[in-house]
Structure formats: C-alpha cells, structure tokens
N, C-alpha and C. Protein backbone atom coordinates (compact mmCIF):
# COMPACT_ATOMS: atom_id res chain seq x y z
N MET A 1 -13.80 -8.32 12.67
CA MET A 1 -12.47 -8.91 12.69
C MET A 1 -11.58 -8.17 11.71
N ARG A 2 -10.38 -7.86 12.12
CA ARG A 2 -9.45 -7.12 11.26
C ARG A 2 -8.87 -8.02 10.18
N GLU A 3 -8.41 -7.38 9.12
CA GLU A 3 -7.79 -8.11 8.02
C GLU A 3 -6.54 -7.35 7.59
N ILE A 4 -5.44 -8.08 7.44
CA ILE A 4 -4.19 -7.51 6.93
C ILE A 4 -4.04 -7.99 5.49
N VAL A 5 -3.84 -7.03 4.59
CA VAL A 5 -3.78 -7.35 3.16
C VAL A 5 -2.59 -6.64 2.53
N LEU A 6 -1.85 -7.38 1.71
CA LEU A 6 -0.80 -6.79 0.89
C LEU A 6 -1.41 -6.49 -0.47
N ILE A 7 -1.42 -5.23 -0.85
CA ILE A 7 -1.96 -4.79 -2.13
C ILE A 7 -0.77 -4.50 -3.04
N ASN A 8 -0.72 -5.15 -4.19
CA ASN A 8 0.34 -4.91 -5.18
C ASN A 8 -0.28 -4.25 -6.40
N ILE A 9 0.25 -3.10 -6.78
CA ILE A 9 -0.22 -2.35 -7.94
C ILE A 9 0.92 -2.29 -8.94
N THR A 10 0.65 -2.63 -10.19
CA THR A 10 1.67 -2.55 -11.23
C THR A 10 1.08 -1.93 -12.48
N GLY A 11 1.96 -1.34 -13.27
CA GLY A 11 1.55 -0.75 -14.54
C GLY A 11 2.47 0.38 -14.94
N GLU A 12 2.10 1.03 -16.02
CA GLU A 12 2.91 2.15 -16.52
C GLU A 12 2.83 3.32 -15.56
N ASP A 13 3.98 3.83 -15.15
CA ASP A 13 4.04 4.92 -14.18
C ASP A 13 3.68 6.25 -14.83
N ARG A 14 3.03 7.09 -14.06
CA ARG A 14 2.75 8.47 -14.44
C ARG A 14 2.36 9.23 -13.16
N PRO A 15 2.43 10.54 -13.17
CA PRO A 15 2.14 11.32 -11.97
C PRO A 15 0.73 11.07 -11.45
N GLY A 16 0.62 11.02 -10.12
CA GLY A 16 -0.68 10.95 -9.46
C GLY A 16 -1.20 9.56 -9.14
N LEU A 17 -0.51 8.51 -9.57
CA LEU A 17 -1.02 7.15 -9.34
C LEU A 17 -1.03 6.79 -7.86
N THR A 18 0.06 7.05 -7.18
CA THR A 18 0.14 6.72 -5.76
C THR A 18 -0.93 7.48 -4.98
N ALA A 19 -1.09 8.75 -5.29
CA ALA A 19 -2.10 9.56 -4.62
C ALA A 19 -3.51 9.03 -4.88
N ALA A 20 -3.77 8.58 -6.10
CA ALA A 20 -5.09 8.06 -6.44
C ALA A 20 -5.41 6.80 -5.64
N ILE A 21 -4.46 5.89 -5.56
CA ILE A 21 -4.68 4.63 -4.83
C ILE A 21 -4.77 4.87 -3.33
N THR A 22 -3.86 5.66 -2.78
CA THR A 22 -3.91 5.92 -1.35
C THR A 22 -5.13 6.75 -0.98
N GLY A 23 -5.64 7.55 -1.92
CA GLY A 23 -6.88 8.29 -1.68
C GLY A 23 -8.06 7.37 -1.46
N VAL A 24 -8.12 6.29 -2.23
CA VAL A 24 -9.18 5.29 -2.04
C VAL A 24 -9.03 4.64 -0.67
N LEU A 25 -7.79 4.31 -0.30
CA LEU A 25 -7.55 3.68 1.00
C LEU A 25 -7.90 4.63 2.15
N LEU A 26 -7.64 5.90 1.97
CA LEU A 26 -7.97 6.90 2.98
C LEU A 26 -9.46 6.88 3.29
N GLN A 27 -10.26 6.77 2.26
CA GLN A 27 -11.72 6.76 2.43
C GLN A 27 -12.17 5.55 3.24
N GLY A 28 -11.38 4.46 3.20
CA GLY A 28 -11.72 3.25 3.94
C GLY A 28 -11.19 3.25 5.36
N GLY A 29 -10.44 4.26 5.74
CA GLY A 29 -9.94 4.37 7.10
C GLY A 29 -8.97 3.28 7.51
N VAL A 30 -8.11 2.84 6.60
CA VAL A 30 -7.17 1.77 6.90
C VAL A 30 -5.95 2.31 7.65
N SER A 31 -5.24 1.40 8.28
CA SER A 31 -3.92 1.72 8.84
C SER A 31 -2.89 1.17 7.87
N ILE A 32 -1.94 2.00 7.48
CA ILE A 32 -0.87 1.57 6.59
C ILE A 32 0.27 1.04 7.45
N LEU A 33 0.63 -0.22 7.21
CA LEU A 33 1.68 -0.88 7.98
C LEU A 33 3.03 -0.79 7.31
N ASP A 34 3.05 -0.77 5.97
CA ASP A 34 4.31 -0.71 5.24
C ASP A 34 4.02 -0.33 3.80
N ILE A 35 4.97 0.35 3.17
CA ILE A 35 4.86 0.74 1.76
C ILE A 35 6.20 0.49 1.09
N GLY A 36 6.14 -0.01 -0.12
CA GLY A 36 7.33 -0.13 -0.96
C GLY A 36 6.95 0.30 -2.37
N LEU A 37 7.77 1.13 -2.99
CA LEU A 37 7.46 1.63 -4.32
C LEU A 37 8.75 1.72 -5.12
N ALA A 38 8.68 1.24 -6.35
CA ALA A 38 9.82 1.35 -7.25
C ALA A 38 9.31 1.60 -8.66
N VAL A 39 10.08 2.34 -9.42
CA VAL A 39 9.80 2.56 -10.84
C VAL A 39 11.06 2.18 -11.60
N MET A 40 10.90 1.22 -12.49
CA MET A 40 12.02 0.79 -13.32
C MET A 40 11.60 0.85 -14.77
N HIS A 41 12.33 1.63 -15.55
CA HIS A 41 12.05 1.78 -16.98
C HIS A 41 10.59 2.12 -17.24
N GLY A 42 10.05 3.01 -16.40
CA GLY A 42 8.69 3.50 -16.60
C GLY A 42 7.59 2.59 -16.07
N THR A 43 7.97 1.47 -15.43
CA THR A 43 6.97 0.56 -14.89
C THR A 43 6.92 0.68 -13.37
N LEU A 44 5.74 0.93 -12.87
CA LEU A 44 5.50 1.09 -11.44
C LEU A 44 5.29 -0.27 -10.78
N SER A 45 5.93 -0.46 -9.64
CA SER A 45 5.67 -1.60 -8.77
C SER A 45 5.46 -1.02 -7.37
N PHE A 46 4.22 -1.10 -6.90
CA PHE A 46 3.81 -0.44 -5.67
C PHE A 46 3.16 -1.46 -4.76
N GLY A 47 3.75 -1.67 -3.59
CA GLY A 47 3.17 -2.57 -2.61
C GLY A 47 2.81 -1.80 -1.37
N ILE A 48 1.63 -2.06 -0.85
CA ILE A 48 1.19 -1.39 0.37
C ILE A 48 0.50 -2.41 1.26
N LEU A 49 1.02 -2.54 2.47
CA LEU A 49 0.48 -3.46 3.45
C LEU A 49 -0.47 -2.68 4.34
N VAL A 50 -1.73 -3.10 4.38
CA VAL A 50 -2.75 -2.35 5.12
C VAL A 50 -3.43 -3.23 6.15
N ASP A 51 -3.88 -2.58 7.20
CA ASP A 51 -4.66 -3.22 8.26
C ASP A 51 -6.06 -2.62 8.17
N ILE A 52 -7.03 -3.48 7.85
CA ILE A 52 -8.41 -3.03 7.68
C ILE A 52 -9.19 -3.56 8.88
N ALA A 53 -9.86 -2.68 9.59
CA ALA A 53 -10.48 -3.02 10.87
C ALA A 53 -11.63 -4.02 10.76
N ASP A 54 -12.29 -4.10 9.61
CA ASP A 54 -13.51 -4.90 9.51
C ASP A 54 -13.55 -5.63 8.17
N ASN A 55 -13.92 -6.92 8.18
CA ASN A 55 -13.98 -7.72 6.95
C ASN A 55 -14.96 -7.16 5.92
N GLU A 56 -16.11 -6.67 6.37
CA GLU A 56 -17.08 -6.11 5.43
C GLU A 56 -16.51 -4.87 4.76
N VAL A 57 -15.84 -4.04 5.52
CA VAL A 57 -15.18 -2.86 4.96
C VAL A 57 -14.10 -3.29 3.99
N ALA A 58 -13.36 -4.35 4.34
CA ALA A 58 -12.26 -4.84 3.50
C ALA A 58 -12.77 -5.21 2.11
N THR A 59 -13.86 -5.94 2.04
CA THR A 59 -14.40 -6.36 0.75
C THR A 59 -14.74 -5.17 -0.12
N ARG A 60 -15.47 -4.21 0.43
CA ARG A 60 -15.86 -3.02 -0.34
C ARG A 60 -14.64 -2.19 -0.72
N LEU A 61 -13.72 -2.05 0.22
CA LEU A 61 -12.54 -1.23 -0.02
C LEU A 61 -11.67 -1.83 -1.13
N LEU A 62 -11.44 -3.13 -1.08
CA LEU A 62 -10.61 -3.76 -2.10
C LEU A 62 -11.29 -3.72 -3.47
N GLN A 63 -12.61 -3.78 -3.50
CA GLN A 63 -13.34 -3.60 -4.76
C GLN A 63 -13.14 -2.19 -5.29
N SER A 64 -13.14 -1.20 -4.39
CA SER A 64 -12.91 0.19 -4.80
C SER A 64 -11.50 0.39 -5.33
N VAL A 65 -10.52 -0.23 -4.67
CA VAL A 65 -9.13 -0.15 -5.15
C VAL A 65 -9.03 -0.79 -6.53
N GLN A 66 -9.68 -1.95 -6.69
CA GLN A 66 -9.66 -2.64 -7.99
C GLN A 66 -10.27 -1.76 -9.08
N ALA A 67 -11.38 -1.11 -8.77
CA ALA A 67 -12.05 -0.23 -9.75
C ALA A 67 -11.14 0.95 -10.12
N LYS A 68 -10.50 1.55 -9.11
CA LYS A 68 -9.61 2.69 -9.37
C LYS A 68 -8.41 2.24 -10.20
N ALA A 69 -7.85 1.08 -9.87
CA ALA A 69 -6.71 0.56 -10.63
C ALA A 69 -7.11 0.33 -12.08
N HIS A 70 -8.27 -0.27 -12.29
CA HIS A 70 -8.75 -0.52 -13.65
C HIS A 70 -8.95 0.80 -14.40
N GLU A 71 -9.53 1.78 -13.73
CA GLU A 71 -9.74 3.11 -14.32
C GLU A 71 -8.42 3.73 -14.76
N LEU A 72 -7.35 3.47 -14.00
CA LEU A 72 -6.03 4.03 -14.29
C LEU A 72 -5.17 3.12 -15.15
N ASN A 73 -5.76 2.05 -15.65
CA ASN A 73 -5.05 1.07 -16.50
C ASN A 73 -3.89 0.42 -15.75
N LEU A 74 -4.14 0.08 -14.49
CA LEU A 74 -3.17 -0.60 -13.65
C LEU A 74 -3.71 -1.97 -13.27
N GLN A 75 -2.82 -2.84 -12.82
CA GLN A 75 -3.23 -4.14 -12.32
C GLN A 75 -3.11 -4.12 -10.80
N ALA A 76 -4.11 -4.69 -10.13
CA ALA A 76 -4.10 -4.78 -8.67
C ALA A 76 -4.22 -6.24 -8.27
N ARG A 77 -3.40 -6.64 -7.32
CA ARG A 77 -3.42 -8.00 -6.80
C ARG A 77 -3.42 -7.92 -5.27
N TYR A 78 -4.14 -8.82 -4.63
CA TYR A 78 -4.27 -8.81 -3.17
C TYR A 78 -3.79 -10.12 -2.59
N THR A 79 -3.07 -10.02 -1.49
CA THR A 79 -2.62 -11.20 -0.77
C THR A 79 -2.97 -11.02 0.71
N PRO A 80 -3.87 -11.84 1.24
CA PRO A 80 -4.16 -11.76 2.67
C PRO A 80 -2.93 -12.23 3.47
N ILE A 81 -2.65 -11.55 4.56
CA ILE A 81 -1.52 -11.87 5.43
C ILE A 81 -2.09 -12.22 6.81
N SER A 82 -1.72 -13.37 7.33
CA SER A 82 -2.21 -13.76 8.65
C SER A 82 -1.57 -12.87 9.71
N GLU A 83 -2.26 -12.76 10.84
CA GLU A 83 -1.72 -11.98 11.95
C GLU A 83 -0.37 -12.55 12.39
N ALA A 84 -0.27 -13.88 12.43
CA ALA A 84 0.99 -14.53 12.84
C ALA A 84 2.11 -14.22 11.85
N ASP A 85 1.83 -14.27 10.54
CA ASP A 85 2.85 -13.97 9.54
C ASP A 85 3.29 -12.51 9.62
N TYR A 86 2.32 -11.61 9.84
CA TYR A 86 2.67 -10.19 9.97
C TYR A 86 3.55 -9.99 11.20
N GLN A 87 3.16 -10.59 12.32
CA GLN A 87 3.91 -10.41 13.56
C GLN A 87 5.32 -10.98 13.42
N HIS A 88 5.45 -12.12 12.77
CA HIS A 88 6.77 -12.73 12.52
C HIS A 88 7.64 -11.79 11.69
N TRP A 89 7.05 -11.21 10.64
CA TRP A 89 7.78 -10.26 9.80
C TRP A 89 8.18 -9.03 10.59
N ALA A 90 7.24 -8.45 11.35
CA ALA A 90 7.52 -7.24 12.12
C ALA A 90 8.59 -7.50 13.17
N ASP A 91 8.51 -8.65 13.83
CA ASP A 91 9.51 -8.98 14.84
C ASP A 91 10.89 -9.15 14.21
N GLY A 92 10.94 -9.64 12.98
CA GLY A 92 12.20 -9.85 12.28
C GLY A 92 12.89 -8.57 11.84
N GLN A 93 12.19 -7.46 11.94
CA GLN A 93 12.78 -6.19 11.54
C GLN A 93 13.86 -5.76 12.53
N GLY A 94 13.78 -6.26 13.76
CA GLY A 94 14.85 -6.03 14.73
C GLY A 94 14.83 -4.70 15.44
N GLU A 95 14.01 -3.79 15.02
CA GLU A 95 13.96 -2.48 15.66
C GLU A 95 12.52 -2.00 15.71
N ALA A 96 12.29 -1.01 16.52
CA ALA A 96 10.96 -0.42 16.60
C ALA A 96 10.58 0.19 15.25
N ARG A 97 9.32 0.12 14.89
CA ARG A 97 8.83 0.68 13.64
C ARG A 97 8.48 2.15 13.86
N HIS A 98 8.75 2.98 12.85
CA HIS A 98 8.46 4.41 12.93
C HIS A 98 7.80 4.86 11.64
N ILE A 99 7.01 5.89 11.74
CA ILE A 99 6.42 6.49 10.55
C ILE A 99 7.22 7.75 10.24
N VAL A 100 7.67 7.87 9.00
CA VAL A 100 8.45 9.03 8.57
C VAL A 100 7.72 9.66 7.39
N THR A 101 7.48 10.94 7.48
CA THR A 101 6.85 11.67 6.39
C THR A 101 7.82 12.74 5.91
N LEU A 102 8.09 12.75 4.61
CA LEU A 102 8.98 13.74 4.02
C LEU A 102 8.20 14.60 3.05
N LEU A 103 8.34 15.87 3.17
CA LEU A 103 7.74 16.81 2.23
C LEU A 103 8.88 17.54 1.55
N SER A 104 9.22 17.10 0.37
CA SER A 104 10.37 17.66 -0.32
C SER A 104 10.32 17.30 -1.79
N ARG A 105 10.89 18.13 -2.62
CA ARG A 105 11.01 17.82 -4.04
C ARG A 105 12.26 16.99 -4.31
N LYS A 106 13.21 17.07 -3.37
CA LYS A 106 14.48 16.38 -3.59
C LYS A 106 15.06 15.98 -2.23
N ILE A 107 15.56 14.77 -2.17
CA ILE A 107 16.23 14.29 -0.97
C ILE A 107 17.65 13.89 -1.37
N THR A 108 18.63 14.39 -0.63
CA THR A 108 20.02 14.04 -0.95
C THR A 108 20.51 13.05 0.10
N PRO A 109 21.59 12.33 -0.20
CA PRO A 109 22.13 11.38 0.79
C PRO A 109 22.51 12.02 2.12
N GLU A 110 22.94 13.27 2.08
CA GLU A 110 23.32 13.96 3.31
C GLU A 110 22.13 14.17 4.24
N GLN A 111 20.95 14.33 3.68
CA GLN A 111 19.78 14.58 4.51
C GLN A 111 19.33 13.32 5.18
C-alpha cells in the first residue's frame, strides 16, 4: 500500500543539505509530488511531499532520512497525508501539475 508523507526539514542552512536529503530519498525510489524550500536569516525550511510505494519501504526510508538529518544537525518531522487530502489539495491547484527542472547558477525574472 502506498503512503504519502510530508517531510519537513529545518535547521541551519549550508551547501549540500538539499542534495543530502534528496539523495536518501532517491535510494528509496520515491515519487516527489511537491517541494518547497526557503532560507530566512540562515535558517532552512524545506518541505518535500513524497509518494512511497510500500509501507515497509516507507518505515525504513523515513528512518534513513531521520538518521541523515541527525547527522547533518537538522530536525526532521513527518506528517502522513491521506490520499483524499492529497487529491483535494491537488485538485485545488486549478491547473495541471508539471515538473520543471532548472540547471542554472542564476535565474532572473525575465527568464
């Protein structure tokens, strides 16, 4: 049975944190449904909504994320999201969802 989980990571920002956390998720073969990231005054607030295909995988994967977060001196919190709540949220977006990947050192408003 699949599980949808909102993972919230917080702590002092520094290079490589997002890559470290998403690297753990990559090993678990999750589908990323949404990402939000902000840094304010050096503090990272990173939310990632994931779809994990199997409950047994979910338990091990979230333990691995927790271990990586602890290793990096970050806090990790998990919130399970029901399929109905996710669908309600996705439907409320009003438009089709798309994946956008940017490879750039700088993005300007014109781009």
